[in-house]
Amino acid sequence: MKSIQWLILAILVWGLAFGGGYAVSAHTGTEPGYFGAVEAAGYGGAAEEKIEGLTDEVQDYYKSLQE
């Protein structure tokens, strides 16, 4: 009987934690595709020569980091 109570408690805690995390993540402000953008320093950097929205100085800085 005690193991069933622990199992129910564990499932309940897991469900509340998952629901709370899911609710918080909806309000973080991070837009879909943010980590795929090159200027975000995230994943999926493209091999483009010119990146829209960045000045030439910043692009030269990024190129110097690759060398």
Protein backbone atom coordinates (compact mmCIF):
# COMPACT_ATOMS: atom_id res chain seq x y z
CA MET A 1 0.00 0.00 0.00
CA LYS A 2 2.82 2.41 0.82
CA SER A 3 4.49 1.91 -2.55
CA ILE A 4 1.26 2.85 -4.32
CA GLN A 5 1.04 6.06 -2.30
CA TRP A 6 4.64 6.95 -3.17
CA LEU A 7 3.96 6.23 -6.83
CA ILE A 8 0.88 8.46 -6.83
CA LEU A 9 2.82 11.19 -5.02
CA ALA A 10 5.71 10.94 -7.49
CA ILE A 11 3.37 11.15 -10.48
CA LEU A 12 1.56 14.10 -8.94
CA VAL A 13 4.81 15.98 -8.21
CA TRP A 14 6.13 15.22 -11.70
CA GLY A 15 2.90 16.46 -13.28
CA LEU A 16 2.92 19.68 -11.27
CA ALA A 17 6.60 20.31 -12.04
CA PHE A 18 6.07 19.67 -15.75
CA GLY A 19 3.01 21.90 -15.87
CA GLY A 20 4.77 24.68 -13.96
CA GLY A 21 7.82 24.55 -16.21
CA TYR A 22 5.67 24.53 -19.31
CA ALA A 23 3.69 27.54 -18.06
CA VAL A 24 6.85 29.50 -17.23
CA SER A 25 8.47 28.75 -20.58
CA ALA A 26 5.52 30.32 -22.37
CA HIS A 27 6.38 33.69 -20.79
CA THR A 28 10.16 33.82 -21.34
CA GLY A 29 9.96 35.94 -24.50
CA THR A 30 12.26 33.70 -26.54
CA GLU A 31 10.88 33.47 -30.05
CA PRO A 32 10.95 30.30 -32.14
CA GLY A 33 14.05 30.14 -34.29
CA TYR A 34 16.12 32.34 -31.95
CA PHE A 35 18.80 29.73 -31.37
CA GLY A 36 19.06 28.99 -35.07
CA ALA A 37 20.03 32.57 -35.91
CA VAL A 38 23.72 33.19 -36.52
CA GLU A 39 23.79 36.48 -34.64
CA ALA A 40 22.29 34.82 -31.57
CA ALA A 41 25.49 32.82 -31.05
CA GLY A 42 23.35 29.71 -30.81
CA TYR A 43 23.22 26.55 -32.84
CA GLY A 44 23.13 26.22 -36.60
CA GLY A 45 25.49 28.92 -37.85
CA ALA A 46 25.17 29.35 -41.58
CA ALA A 47 27.99 29.92 -44.03
CA GLU A 48 26.59 33.21 -45.31
CA GLU A 49 29.00 36.00 -46.15
CA LYS A 50 26.68 38.86 -45.20
CA ILE A 51 24.39 38.63 -42.18
CA GLU A 52 21.38 40.91 -42.17
CA GLY A 53 21.08 43.30 -39.24
CA LEU A 54 24.77 43.39 -38.29
CA THR A 55 27.18 46.21 -38.96
CA ASP A 56 30.36 45.61 -40.93
CA GLU A 57 32.44 46.05 -37.75
CA VAL A 58 30.55 43.30 -35.95
CA GLN A 59 30.82 41.00 -38.96
CA ASP A 60 34.57 41.60 -39.15
CA TYR A 61 34.80 40.77 -35.45
CA TYR A 62 32.94 37.48 -35.98
CA LYS A 63 35.20 36.63 -38.93
CA SER A 64 38.29 37.28 -36.81
CA LEU A 65 36.97 34.85 -34.20
CA GLN A 66 36.73 32.09 -36.81
CA GLU A 67 40.37 32.42 -37.81
